[in-house]
Amino acid sequence: MFGRRDRVPWKRNKSGLARDYPDLGFLPPGRSAWDCTLACLAYGIRMDMPGAPPDLNAWATRHGIVASESYAELGRSALVLWHGTSRERADSIAEHGLFHKKGLWTARHPSIPHSFCRMRSERFGTEGAVVCLVLDREQLVEGADFEAENENIVRFHHRLPPSAVEYVLVREGIRFSGAKRAASPCPWPKARFKHSSGQWVPLQQPPVRFSETESFSTLSEYLRLCILELFGQLNGVAPLELLSALHSLVEPPDCLRHGEILELLESLSVRIQKVAKYKLFMPNQEV
């Protein structure tokens, strides 16, 4: 079913993968941008769905990154915003905060700043980055502190301190930049594999610990455990959410084959449910 697609796993393939999996309609043409791109799009999937907004800490930990204590403490008062910039500027923002004399534009949906920084990267030949901000909505006054230009765009009139920066997303990964890490949830375990005797095996001596009760000895076992964890967290799993997490967790990325991953997801699912514009795989009775 997926063999032909797997021969070119890192190329844009709208006529193949995206026909069956709409959330994979855009994939970066090269590996180097996947961490930033897929993580933004994966968070955005939950923004597009009805109901409660996505949990920032759950999103971070399933990408192998520590959780934010600031986000955890603020609870429902937490306002999560995203800002697109250059890689060089992102390093400065994490250290000194954000300011622009014409106003500071942020977005509730990460796909907006990601599109902006990607466009500028292609135009000027620089690397883009996306900064994730966490603010206390109870401390902000519309008109005095910011203007909501529409339901997604928020323009601030003043500087935002570096303490507001919780995560920086660059081409090769996500960096935690917050002042304090939350004790829970814990980051998902990352895994490194090597190619031996025609298959991918863990670098560590197997079995390798995945959680307090689970371990893995092969790549397929690790993939299965990740899918089961996603089913435990989310009400249905979109393929892009799975690929985003795996790309952040697994080294080298060359061992990840789209077809094998999607077929395993299908085998653990009982049906597909359409929510918003996405197809969500629902767990079967075995799961």
Foldseek 3Di string as FASTA:
>chain_A
DCVVCLVQVQAQDQVPPCVVFVLVNDGDGDLQAQLQVLLLSLLLVQVLFDDDHDDPQVSQQLLQHFGAPVCVVLDPQKQKKKAKDFPVVLVVCLVFFDDDQVWGKIWSRSVVSVVVQVVVCVVVVGWMKMWMFIDGNVPDDDPQAWDDPDPIMITGNGTDGSQRTQWMTTRQHIDGSHPDTDPDDHHFAAFEWDADPRFTFTPDDPQADGDPPDTDTGPLRVLLVSLVVVLVVDQFDRLSSSVNSNPSRYPPPSNDGSVSSVVSLVVQFDDWDQTRNGTGGHGDPVD
